[in-house]
C-alpha cells in the first residue's frame, strides 16, 4: 500500500512525542510504544539513503525533546521585554540540537541493517549509545534519559540500582521496541522467542523492583539521626533580583528558618542562590545582614546555604577579566556561641553551558555572542565533587542543580551518608521542568542507595529515600512557601551500580553487537506477501 509522503515524517514525529510524554509528570507509560513505531519507520527506509534514516530519527528526537525541554523558554520570560524574543528560538535550538544524537543513531541503525528477530537489540544498542553520548559530549546534557521514563521510586526504576540510568535506558528501549516484530517479516519462531524474552524482562523489572521496595518498606532511621529542615520561601524569579526586594527575601528565609518545632532541627537548608546578593557582601564587616543571619541560627545548629561567592583570581583575570572568580557555592555555617563560622564549602563543579559559563568564551567575546545572551562573566568550576565532612553530622555529598543530572558524578572512594541537591528551579516557572528535575535527581538516590534531601526556592522540595521514593508528607510542591522537617533516613547498602558503574551497560552494548553479528550470519528471509509486508512498508 502506497502512503502519502508526509506519513512517515509525521508518524516519526508523533512517535517521539509519545515517548516524551511517558516521562513524569505526564507518566503516560504507554507512550513507550513510540520506540516500536520508530523502529518500524527505520525498517521501512532500510533500502533508502542514509539521510532518510537521519531525517526520521531526528524528527522523532525533535518531538521527544520538545516535550522534555520546552521549559527552556521560561528563563527568557523572566524579563520578557529584554529576552522574550529569544524564547521560541531557544526551544527549537535545544530540541533540534539534542535530536541530532537520535538522528545519528538512526543513521547507525540504517547502516548496520540488522536482520532477523535481533533487530530490537540492535536498535536498543545504537539509541542507548546515543543517549550515553548525549550525556557526555560538550559537557553533556542527560536530561530525561530514556531509562528515566519510569517514575523514580516505582518498581521498574529500581533496576537503576543494578544497571544505572544508562543500563535501564538499554533495557527500556529493547522491551519497548520489541512489539515492532509483529509487523516485520521475520521468522515466526524467532519472533515468538524475542517477544517472550521482552515479556520476561518486563515482568522481571516489575517483580524485581517490587521485591526491592518490599524489603525496604519502612525507611529506617538511626536513633540519633539528625532532624533536617528544608526552607522553601517561594520567591518568584521575576522579583528576586530587584534590589529593593533584598530585605523582603532575607526576611522570608529568616521567618521560615525560625519557626518553632517539636524537635528543633539540627540542619537547616536554604536552596541554590537563596539570596539575591553575593554572600561576601552580606557577611562583610558592618553589613546589617550578618548579625541577623547569625541570630537566625541556633547554637549548635548547622545552616547549609546555596550562595554566590567571589574569590581573588590568582592569575589576575577571570571570565569577565575583572580579577575575580565567581562560584556557585554551598556554604556550611555552624553557630558556636556568639559566632557564626564557615565549616564547609562546596563549589559547583559541573557548570551549565550558556547559563553559568560561555563555551569557547574568548571566541564568543569576539563574535559578540556573550553580549547577546547577557552573560558578562563566567562562573568558575570547583574541584571534582567529594563529600563534605561536617562536625557531628553524617557526611554529605552536595550536588548543585544541573549536577544531579549526571550518573556517578559524585562516586568516589569515600561514600557519603546522604546526598543534598540544592537547585534554583524557579527558572523553570510553573512548567513540567521542576517535576522532571525531581524525577531525574531521585535516580541518583536509587543508583547510590543513599537518601537525598532536595531544596528549591519555589518547588519541588522533598526528602527522598534510598529507593527514590518521596517520604510521606515530606514534599513541597510548586508555588508553595513553607518548611519540611524530617529525620534524615539511613543510607542503604552500596548498590551494584555504585560498586561497578557502567560495566553492565557496556555488557549490554556488547550484547547488541553480538545480536547484529548473529543476524548477519543468517540468510535474509524473502519478503512475505500480505499484511505483514505492507505494514512494514513506507
Protein backbone atom coordinates (compact mmCIF):
# COMPACT_ATOMS: atom_id res chain seq x y z
CA UNK A 1 0.00 0.00 0.00
CA UNK A 2 1.38 3.38 -1.03
CA UNK A 3 1.12 6.07 1.65
CA UNK A 4 1.38 9.86 1.28
CA UNK A 5 4.91 11.32 1.54
CA UNK A 6 4.03 13.08 4.78
CA UNK A 7 3.02 9.85 6.52
CA UNK A 8 6.49 8.64 7.52
CA UNK A 9 7.74 12.03 8.86
CA UNK A 10 4.50 12.61 10.77
CA UNK A 11 4.50 9.18 12.40
CA UNK A 12 8.17 9.59 13.36
CA UNK A 13 7.42 12.95 14.98
CA UNK A 14 4.39 11.52 16.80
CA UNK A 15 6.47 8.56 17.97
CA UNK A 16 8.91 10.96 19.63
CA UNK A 17 6.11 12.99 21.19
CA UNK A 18 4.59 9.79 22.60
CA UNK A 19 7.93 8.69 24.06
CA UNK A 20 8.32 12.14 25.65
CA UNK A 21 5.01 12.02 27.50
CA UNK A 22 5.98 8.70 29.06
CA UNK A 23 8.20 10.72 31.41
CA UNK A 24 6.85 12.27 34.61
CA UNK A 25 4.93 14.39 35.28
CA UNK A 26 2.80 13.13 32.38
CA UNK A 27 3.53 9.50 33.20
CA UNK A 28 1.72 8.04 30.19
CA UNK A 29 3.94 4.97 30.08
CA UNK A 30 2.04 3.65 27.05
CA UNK A 31 3.98 6.32 25.16
CA UNK A 32 6.96 3.96 25.19
CA UNK A 33 5.26 2.31 22.21
CA UNK A 34 6.72 5.21 20.24
CA UNK A 35 10.04 3.34 20.11
CA UNK A 36 8.39 0.42 18.29
CA UNK A 37 6.94 2.89 15.79
CA UNK A 38 10.37 4.47 15.28
CA UNK A 39 11.94 1.07 14.65
CA UNK A 40 9.27 0.39 12.02
CA UNK A 41 9.99 3.71 10.35
CA UNK A 42 13.69 2.88 10.17
CA UNK A 43 12.97 -0.58 8.78
CA UNK A 44 10.83 0.98 6.07
CA UNK A 45 13.80 3.03 4.78
CA UNK A 46 16.46 0.31 5.03
CA UNK A 47 16.93 0.42 1.22
CA UNK A 48 16.90 4.21 1.01
CA UNK A 49 19.83 6.63 1.52
CA UNK A 50 21.18 7.25 4.99
CA UNK A 51 19.73 10.75 5.04
CA UNK A 52 16.22 9.25 5.13
CA UNK A 53 17.03 7.40 8.35
CA UNK A 54 18.64 10.52 9.79
CA UNK A 55 15.61 12.66 8.97
CA UNK A 56 13.08 10.29 10.52
CA UNK A 57 15.12 9.74 13.69
CA UNK A 58 15.82 13.46 14.00
CA UNK A 59 12.10 14.20 13.76
CA UNK A 60 11.39 11.62 16.47
CA UNK A 61 14.06 13.26 18.62
CA UNK A 62 12.59 16.70 17.91
CA UNK A 63 9.23 15.55 19.27
CA UNK A 64 10.80 13.84 22.28
CA UNK A 65 12.98 16.78 23.30
CA UNK A 66 10.29 19.36 22.58
CA UNK A 67 8.18 17.65 25.24
CA UNK A 68 11.17 17.20 27.55
CA UNK A 69 12.72 20.67 27.32
CA UNK A 70 10.03 23.17 26.38
CA UNK A 71 10.64 24.73 29.81
CA UNK A 72 13.85 26.22 28.37
CA UNK A 73 11.67 29.13 27.20
CA UNK A 74 10.79 30.05 30.78
CA UNK A 75 14.08 31.77 31.78
CA UNK A 76 13.73 34.11 28.80
CA UNK A 77 10.28 35.13 30.03
CA UNK A 78 11.58 36.35 33.39
CA UNK A 79 12.40 39.63 31.62
CA UNK A 80 10.07 39.48 28.61
CA UNK A 81 10.97 42.91 27.27
CA UNK A 82 14.67 42.14 27.09
CA UNK A 83 14.78 38.42 26.37
CA UNK A 84 11.28 37.23 25.43
CA UNK A 85 12.02 37.25 21.70
CA UNK A 86 14.64 34.52 22.24
CA UNK A 87 12.23 32.02 23.86
CA UNK A 88 10.94 30.24 20.70
CA UNK A 89 14.43 30.09 19.23
CA UNK A 90 15.73 28.54 22.46
CA UNK A 91 13.10 25.78 22.38
CA UNK A 92 13.76 24.94 18.71
CA UNK A 93 17.54 25.06 19.07
CA UNK A 94 17.55 22.98 22.25
CA UNK A 95 15.18 20.28 20.95
CA UNK A 96 16.69 20.26 17.46
CA UNK A 97 20.25 20.15 18.77
CA UNK A 98 19.64 17.25 21.14
CA UNK A 99 17.72 15.45 18.38
CA UNK A 100 20.97 15.27 16.40
CA UNK A 101 22.03 12.40 18.67
CA UNK A 102 18.90 10.47 17.73
CA UNK A 103 19.50 11.32 14.08
CA UNK A 104 22.99 9.83 14.32
CA UNK A 105 21.55 6.72 16.00
CA UNK A 106 19.10 6.32 13.11
CA UNK A 107 21.96 6.52 10.61
CA UNK A 108 23.88 3.87 12.57
CA UNK A 109 20.86 1.55 12.60
CA UNK A 110 20.27 2.03 8.87
CA UNK A 111 23.96 1.43 8.08
CA UNK A 112 24.03 -1.76 10.17
CA UNK A 113 20.81 -3.09 8.57
CA UNK A 114 20.21 -5.72 11.26
CA UNK A 115 18.41 -8.92 10.33
CA UNK A 116 16.12 -11.46 11.94
CA UNK A 117 14.43 -11.00 15.29
CA UNK A 118 17.57 -9.41 16.75
CA UNK A 119 16.51 -6.01 15.43
CA UNK A 120 15.22 -4.66 18.81
CA UNK A 121 18.53 -5.45 20.49
CA UNK A 122 20.49 -3.61 17.80
CA UNK A 123 18.01 -0.71 17.96
CA UNK A 124 18.46 -0.59 21.75
CA UNK A 125 22.23 -0.61 21.37
CA UNK A 126 22.55 2.28 18.92
CA UNK A 127 19.99 4.52 20.65
CA UNK A 128 21.33 3.76 24.16
CA UNK A 129 24.82 4.59 22.91
CA UNK A 130 23.44 7.87 21.51
CA UNK A 131 21.92 8.65 24.93
CA UNK A 132 25.29 7.99 26.58
CA UNK A 133 26.96 10.35 24.11
CA UNK A 134 24.29 12.97 24.82
CA UNK A 135 25.28 12.78 28.47
CA UNK A 136 28.99 13.30 27.75
CA UNK A 137 29.64 15.28 24.55
CA UNK A 138 30.35 19.02 25.05
CA UNK A 139 29.91 18.68 28.85
CA UNK A 140 26.72 16.63 28.27
CA UNK A 141 23.02 17.19 28.91
CA UNK A 142 21.49 13.88 30.13
CA UNK A 143 18.06 15.40 30.77
CA UNK A 144 15.27 12.80 30.65
CA UNK A 145 17.31 9.79 29.63
CA UNK A 146 15.08 7.13 28.10
CA UNK A 147 15.63 4.90 31.13
CA UNK A 148 14.26 7.64 33.39
CA UNK A 149 10.83 7.33 31.79
CA UNK A 150 9.80 5.22 34.78
CA UNK A 151 8.74 7.29 37.79
CA UNK A 152 11.55 7.26 40.35
CA UNK A 153 10.53 5.12 43.29
CA UNK A 154 8.39 2.81 41.13
CA UNK A 155 9.20 -0.87 40.76
CA UNK A 156 10.87 -0.62 37.30
CA UNK A 157 13.04 2.30 38.43
CA UNK A 158 14.76 0.05 41.00
CA UNK A 159 16.76 -1.56 38.18
CA UNK A 160 18.91 1.60 38.26
CA UNK A 161 20.44 0.26 41.49
CA UNK A 162 21.87 -2.59 39.39
CA UNK A 163 22.42 -1.11 35.96
CA UNK A 164 22.26 2.68 36.34
CA UNK A 165 20.17 5.02 34.22
CA UNK A 166 22.08 4.17 31.03
CA UNK A 167 21.65 0.43 31.54
CA UNK A 168 17.96 0.96 32.25
CA UNK A 169 17.82 3.00 29.03
CA UNK A 170 19.03 -0.01 27.03
CA UNK A 171 16.55 -2.32 28.76
CA UNK A 172 13.65 0.10 28.20
CA UNK A 173 14.47 0.51 24.50
CA UNK A 174 14.79 -3.24 23.94
CA UNK A 175 11.47 -4.02 25.62
CA UNK A 176 9.56 -1.09 24.13
CA UNK A 177 10.71 -1.71 20.54
CA UNK A 178 10.13 -5.48 20.56
CA UNK A 179 6.42 -5.29 19.57
CA UNK A 180 7.56 -3.94 16.18
CA UNK A 181 8.48 -7.53 15.30
CA UNK A 182 4.74 -8.29 14.97
CA UNK A 183 4.71 -6.12 11.86
CA UNK A 184 8.02 -7.18 10.31
CA UNK A 185 8.76 -10.19 8.06
CA UNK A 186 10.84 -12.28 10.48
CA UNK A 187 10.75 -16.00 11.26
CA UNK A 188 7.79 -16.82 13.46
CA UNK A 189 9.77 -18.92 15.92
CA UNK A 190 12.42 -16.20 16.36
CA UNK A 191 9.70 -13.57 16.63
CA UNK A 192 7.93 -15.52 19.36
CA UNK A 193 11.19 -16.06 21.20
CA UNK A 194 12.12 -12.38 21.20
CA UNK A 195 8.65 -11.27 22.25
CA UNK A 196 8.68 -13.82 25.05
CA UNK A 197 12.11 -12.56 26.17
CA UNK A 198 10.79 -8.98 26.19
CA UNK A 199 7.81 -10.10 28.27
CA UNK A 200 10.06 -11.89 30.75
CA UNK A 201 12.31 -8.81 31.01
CA UNK A 202 9.33 -6.53 31.65
CA UNK A 203 8.00 -8.93 34.30
CA UNK A 204 11.43 -9.03 35.92
CA UNK A 205 11.55 -5.22 36.01
CA UNK A 206 8.29 -5.07 37.93
CA UNK A 207 8.75 -8.16 40.10
CA UNK A 208 12.39 -7.48 40.98
CA UNK A 209 11.67 -3.84 41.72
CA UNK A 210 8.64 -4.72 43.83
CA UNK A 211 10.80 -7.12 45.83
CA UNK A 212 13.41 -4.41 46.47
CA UNK A 213 10.71 -1.98 47.58
CA UNK A 214 9.08 -4.57 49.84
CA UNK A 215 12.43 -5.29 51.50
CA UNK A 216 12.71 -1.59 52.31
CA UNK A 217 9.03 -0.96 53.02
CA UNK A 218 9.90 1.02 56.11
CA UNK A 219 12.58 3.64 55.81
CA UNK A 220 14.91 3.06 58.77
CA UNK A 221 16.19 5.90 60.91
CA UNK A 222 19.16 5.81 63.22
CA UNK A 223 18.31 6.62 66.82
CA UNK A 224 20.49 9.69 66.63
CA UNK A 225 19.53 10.72 63.07
CA UNK A 226 19.62 14.50 62.71
CA UNK A 227 16.47 16.46 62.02
CA UNK A 228 16.65 18.37 58.74
CA UNK A 229 14.62 21.48 57.93
CA UNK A 230 14.16 22.44 54.26
CA UNK A 231 13.20 26.07 53.75
CA UNK A 232 11.18 26.92 50.61
CA UNK A 233 10.40 30.65 50.55
CA UNK A 234 8.62 30.68 47.14
CA UNK A 235 10.27 33.85 45.82
CA UNK A 236 9.42 34.34 42.15
CA UNK A 237 12.48 34.67 39.92
CA UNK A 238 10.99 37.83 38.36
CA UNK A 239 11.02 39.57 41.76
CA UNK A 240 14.02 38.03 43.45
CA UNK A 241 16.77 40.10 41.85
CA UNK A 242 15.13 43.51 42.17
CA UNK A 243 17.47 45.42 44.55
CA UNK A 244 14.57 46.80 46.57
CA UNK A 245 13.42 43.23 47.40
CA UNK A 246 16.61 42.04 49.10
CA UNK A 247 15.29 42.85 52.58
CA UNK A 248 11.98 41.06 51.95
CA UNK A 249 13.69 37.95 50.54
CA UNK A 250 16.06 37.82 53.51
CA UNK A 251 13.18 38.22 55.95
CA UNK A 252 11.21 35.42 54.28
CA UNK A 253 14.06 32.94 54.79
CA UNK A 254 14.67 34.08 58.36
CA UNK A 255 10.99 33.73 59.26
CA UNK A 256 10.74 30.17 57.95
CA UNK A 257 14.07 29.21 59.49
CA UNK A 258 12.96 30.34 62.93
CA UNK A 259 9.55 28.66 63.03
CA UNK A 260 9.07 26.55 66.15
CA UNK A 261 9.17 22.76 66.02
CA UNK A 262 8.61 19.93 68.48
CA UNK A 263 12.18 18.82 67.80
CA UNK A 264 14.47 21.72 66.85
CA UNK A 265 16.24 20.95 63.56
CA UNK A 266 19.92 20.11 63.60
CA UNK A 267 20.36 21.14 59.95
CA UNK A 268 18.63 23.99 58.12
CA UNK A 269 18.86 24.04 54.32
CA UNK A 270 18.40 27.02 52.02
CA UNK A 271 18.31 26.38 48.25
CA UNK A 272 20.71 27.31 45.47
CA UNK A 273 21.30 31.06 45.24
CA UNK A 274 18.78 31.69 48.01
CA UNK A 275 19.65 35.38 48.49
CA UNK A 276 19.92 37.89 45.62
CA UNK A 277 23.38 39.09 46.60
CA UNK A 278 26.96 37.88 46.81
CA UNK A 279 27.42 36.25 50.21
CA UNK A 280 30.72 38.08 50.72
CA UNK A 281 28.84 41.40 50.73
CA UNK A 282 26.14 40.15 53.09
CA UNK A 283 28.69 38.95 55.64
CA UNK A 284 31.15 41.83 55.27
CA UNK A 285 32.06 43.81 58.42
CA UNK A 286 29.39 46.41 59.07
CA UNK A 287 26.72 44.64 56.99
CA UNK A 288 23.33 44.71 58.76
CA UNK A 289 22.59 41.23 57.41
CA UNK A 290 25.50 39.43 59.13
CA UNK A 291 24.24 39.66 62.75
CA UNK A 292 20.68 38.83 61.68
CA UNK A 293 21.85 35.69 59.90
CA UNK A 294 23.89 34.72 62.96
CA UNK A 295 20.90 35.18 65.26
CA UNK A 296 18.68 33.07 62.99
CA UNK A 297 20.87 30.01 63.59
CA UNK A 298 20.54 28.30 66.97
CA UNK A 299 23.69 27.40 68.94
CA UNK A 300 24.95 24.03 67.72
CA UNK A 301 22.79 24.21 64.58
CA UNK A 302 24.19 23.95 61.04
CA UNK A 303 22.93 26.07 58.12
CA UNK A 304 23.58 24.76 54.60
CA UNK A 305 23.03 27.64 52.21
CA UNK A 306 23.28 27.97 48.46
CA UNK A 307 25.06 31.23 47.62
CA UNK A 308 27.18 33.05 45.07
CA UNK A 309 30.65 33.92 46.28
CA UNK A 310 33.75 35.61 44.88
CA UNK A 311 37.44 34.99 45.30
CA UNK A 312 40.54 36.74 44.03
CA UNK A 313 41.85 35.33 40.76
CA UNK A 314 45.46 34.22 41.32
CA UNK A 315 46.11 34.77 37.61
CA UNK A 316 44.80 38.31 37.74
CA UNK A 317 41.81 37.78 35.45
CA UNK A 318 38.61 35.74 35.34
CA UNK A 319 35.73 35.10 32.92
CA UNK A 320 34.95 38.78 32.77
CA UNK A 321 38.57 39.85 33.16
CA UNK A 322 37.91 41.82 36.37
CA UNK A 323 40.38 39.97 38.59
CA UNK A 324 37.75 37.95 40.46
CA UNK A 325 36.49 34.38 40.30
CA UNK A 326 32.77 33.74 40.77
CA UNK A 327 31.47 30.50 42.26
CA UNK A 328 28.06 28.88 42.65
CA UNK A 329 28.54 27.50 46.14
CA UNK A 330 27.08 25.58 49.02
CA UNK A 331 28.28 27.06 52.32
CA UNK A 332 28.01 25.29 55.66
CA UNK A 333 27.68 27.59 58.70
CA UNK A 334 27.79 26.50 62.34
CA UNK A 335 26.60 28.63 65.25
CA UNK A 336 29.06 28.26 68.10
CA UNK A 337 28.22 30.63 70.94
CA UNK A 338 28.07 34.21 69.66
CA UNK A 339 29.87 33.45 66.40
CA UNK A 340 28.67 32.08 63.06
CA UNK A 341 31.56 30.42 61.30
CA UNK A 342 32.03 28.66 57.97
CA UNK A 343 32.73 24.95 58.47
CA UNK A 344 32.47 23.73 54.89
CA UNK A 345 32.50 24.95 51.28
CA UNK A 346 31.45 23.12 48.11
CA UNK A 347 31.87 24.90 44.78
CA UNK A 348 29.79 23.63 41.87
CA UNK A 349 31.94 21.52 39.57
CA UNK A 350 29.70 20.86 36.54
CA UNK A 351 28.51 24.21 35.20
CA UNK A 352 25.59 24.92 32.85
CA UNK A 353 26.71 25.94 29.34
CA UNK A 354 25.32 29.36 28.33
CA UNK A 355 23.85 29.70 31.81
CA UNK A 356 26.93 29.70 34.04
CA UNK A 357 29.73 29.77 31.51
CA UNK A 358 30.12 30.58 27.84
CA UNK A 359 31.65 27.73 25.81
CA UNK A 360 34.61 28.98 23.78
CA UNK A 361 34.42 32.18 25.81
CA UNK A 362 37.16 34.13 24.01
CA UNK A 363 35.60 33.41 20.61
CA UNK A 364 32.16 34.31 21.99
CA UNK A 365 33.56 37.66 23.12
CA UNK A 366 34.96 38.43 19.66
CA UNK A 367 31.72 37.41 17.91
CA UNK A 368 29.53 39.32 20.36
CA UNK A 369 27.66 36.20 21.47
CA UNK A 370 28.32 36.88 25.15
CA UNK A 371 26.58 40.24 24.94
CA UNK A 372 23.70 38.66 23.02
CA UNK A 373 22.91 36.24 25.85
CA UNK A 374 23.56 38.91 28.52
CA UNK A 375 26.30 36.96 30.30
CA UNK A 376 29.01 39.40 31.37
CA UNK A 377 31.01 36.94 33.48
CA UNK A 378 31.55 33.20 33.70
CA UNK A 379 31.31 31.23 36.88
CA UNK A 380 34.40 29.19 37.72
CA UNK A 381 34.20 25.44 38.20
CA UNK A 382 35.11 23.99 41.57
CA UNK A 383 37.14 20.81 42.04
CA UNK A 384 35.56 17.39 41.33
CA UNK A 385 32.81 16.54 43.82
CA UNK A 386 33.75 14.96 47.10
CA UNK A 387 31.76 14.57 50.31
CA UNK A 388 31.70 17.30 52.95
CA UNK A 389 32.63 16.22 56.45
CA UNK A 390 30.77 18.42 58.91
CA UNK A 391 31.44 18.18 62.65
CA UNK A 392 28.91 16.00 64.43
CA UNK A 393 26.86 15.27 61.28
CA UNK A 394 26.70 12.44 58.72
CA UNK A 395 28.97 13.02 55.73
CA UNK A 396 27.07 14.66 52.85
CA UNK A 397 27.65 14.84 49.10
CA UNK A 398 26.32 18.13 47.70
CA UNK A 399 25.04 18.31 44.11
CA UNK A 400 24.07 21.77 42.90
CA UNK A 401 21.21 21.90 40.37
CA UNK A 402 22.48 20.63 37.00
CA UNK A 403 24.91 18.24 38.68
CA UNK A 404 22.06 15.96 39.76
CA UNK A 405 21.53 15.02 36.10
CA UNK A 406 24.79 13.09 35.87
CA UNK A 407 25.06 9.45 36.98
CA UNK A 408 28.17 8.68 39.03
CA UNK A 409 29.28 12.32 39.15
CA UNK A 410 29.76 12.05 42.90
CA UNK A 411 31.02 8.46 43.04
CA UNK A 412 34.43 8.41 44.63
CA UNK A 413 36.48 6.45 47.12
CA UNK A 414 34.56 7.98 50.04
CA UNK A 415 30.88 7.03 50.36
CA UNK A 416 28.72 9.74 51.96
CA UNK A 417 25.74 9.05 54.22
CA UNK A 418 23.35 11.22 52.19
CA UNK A 419 23.05 13.43 49.12
CA UNK A 420 21.99 17.07 49.22
CA UNK A 421 20.65 18.53 45.99
CA UNK A 422 20.05 22.28 46.09
CA UNK A 423 18.59 23.80 42.94
CA UNK A 424 17.07 27.04 41.69
CA UNK A 425 14.14 25.52 39.83
CA UNK A 426 12.40 28.90 39.91
CA UNK A 427 13.93 29.37 36.45
CA UNK A 428 11.56 26.66 35.16
CA UNK A 429 8.44 28.53 36.29
CA UNK A 430 5.21 26.56 36.68
CA UNK A 431 6.09 24.06 33.94
CA UNK A 432 6.89 20.36 33.93
CA UNK A 433 10.57 21.22 34.38
CA UNK A 434 10.69 21.11 38.22
CA UNK A 435 8.82 17.78 38.29
CA UNK A 436 11.13 16.30 35.69
CA UNK A 437 14.16 17.56 37.60
CA UNK A 438 12.84 15.94 40.78
CA UNK A 439 12.42 12.62 38.99
CA UNK A 440 15.89 12.76 37.43
CA UNK A 441 17.58 13.71 40.71
CA UNK A 442 15.80 10.88 42.52
CA UNK A 443 17.53 8.39 40.22
CA UNK A 444 20.85 9.43 41.78
CA UNK A 445 19.47 8.24 45.15
CA UNK A 446 18.48 4.86 43.64
CA UNK A 447 21.83 4.40 41.89
CA UNK A 448 23.82 5.16 45.04
CA UNK A 449 21.46 3.58 47.59
CA UNK A 450 21.53 6.84 49.55
CA UNK A 451 18.81 9.17 50.86
CA UNK A 452 18.55 12.57 49.21
CA UNK A 453 17.35 15.90 50.55
CA UNK A 454 16.27 18.27 47.80
CA UNK A 455 15.86 22.02 48.37
CA UNK A 456 14.49 24.52 45.83
CA UNK A 457 13.17 28.09 46.24
CA UNK A 458 9.75 27.59 44.58
CA UNK A 459 9.34 23.79 44.43
CA UNK A 460 9.68 20.90 44.25
CA UNK A 461 11.48 20.28 47.57
CA UNK A 462 11.44 16.81 49.11
CA UNK A 463 13.07 14.17 51.28
CA UNK A 464 13.79 11.05 49.22
CA UNK A 465 14.69 7.60 50.49
CA UNK A 466 17.41 5.29 49.04
CA UNK A 467 14.78 3.70 46.76
CA UNK A 468 13.92 7.05 45.16
CA UNK A 469 10.57 7.39 46.98
CA UNK A 470 9.41 10.71 48.39
CA UNK A 471 8.74 10.29 52.07
CA UNK A 472 5.12 10.70 53.11
CA UNK A 473 4.18 14.35 53.61
CA UNK A 474 7.78 15.37 53.06
CA UNK A 475 7.31 17.37 49.86
CA UNK A 476 6.53 20.99 48.99
CA UNK A 477 5.09 21.38 45.51
CA UNK A 478 5.26 24.25 43.04
CA UNK A 479 4.38 27.73 44.22
CA UNK A 480 4.23 26.90 47.92
CA UNK A 481 6.09 28.56 50.77
CA UNK A 482 6.84 26.53 53.87
CA UNK A 483 9.19 24.15 55.60
CA UNK A 484 9.78 20.41 55.71
CA UNK A 485 11.05 18.93 58.98
CA UNK A 486 12.16 15.31 58.81
CA UNK A 487 14.67 12.95 60.30
CA UNK A 488 17.40 12.02 57.84
CA UNK A 489 16.80 8.48 56.52
CA UNK A 490 19.60 5.95 56.95
CA UNK A 491 21.67 5.01 53.90
CA UNK A 492 21.08 1.67 52.25
CA UNK A 493 23.85 -0.82 51.47
CA UNK A 494 26.10 0.00 48.48
CA UNK A 495 24.36 -0.92 45.24
CA UNK A 496 25.84 -2.99 42.44
CA UNK A 497 25.87 0.11 40.26
CA UNK A 498 27.73 2.16 42.88
CA UNK A 499 30.40 -0.56 43.00
CA UNK A 500 30.97 -1.37 39.32
CA UNK A 501 29.44 1.58 37.48
CA UNK A 502 28.75 1.22 33.76
CA UNK A 503 30.12 -2.33 33.40
CA UNK A 504 26.58 -3.78 32.95
CA UNK A 505 25.78 -1.09 30.38
CA UNK A 506 28.94 -1.93 28.45
CA UNK A 507 27.92 -5.60 28.52
CA UNK A 508 24.51 -4.66 27.10
CA UNK A 509 26.16 -2.79 24.22
CA UNK A 510 28.30 -5.87 23.55
CA UNK A 511 25.11 -7.95 23.54
CA UNK A 512 23.70 -5.62 20.87
CA UNK A 513 26.87 -6.07 18.81
CA UNK A 514 26.61 -9.86 19.20
CA UNK A 515 22.95 -9.73 18.12
CA UNK A 516 23.93 -7.83 14.98
CA UNK A 517 26.64 -10.38 14.17
CA UNK A 518 24.23 -13.26 14.79
CA UNK A 519 21.73 -11.72 12.40
CA UNK A 520 24.37 -11.26 9.69
CA UNK A 521 25.18 -14.97 9.79
CA UNK A 522 21.60 -15.89 8.85
CA UNK A 523 20.33 -15.81 5.30
CA UNK A 524 17.80 -12.98 4.94
CA UNK A 525 14.22 -14.18 4.66
CA UNK A 526 12.32 -13.46 1.46
CA UNK A 527 9.67 -10.78 2.00
CA UNK A 528 6.29 -12.22 2.79
CA UNK A 529 3.19 -11.26 0.96
CA UNK A 530 0.08 -9.93 2.60
CA UNK A 531 -0.48 -7.69 5.56
CA UNK A 532 2.84 -8.34 7.32
CA UNK A 533 4.78 -6.96 4.35
CA UNK A 534 2.52 -3.95 3.81
CA UNK A 535 2.58 -2.91 7.48
CA UNK A 536 6.37 -2.70 7.37
CA UNK A 537 6.42 -0.62 4.19
CA UNK A 538 6.52 3.13 3.84
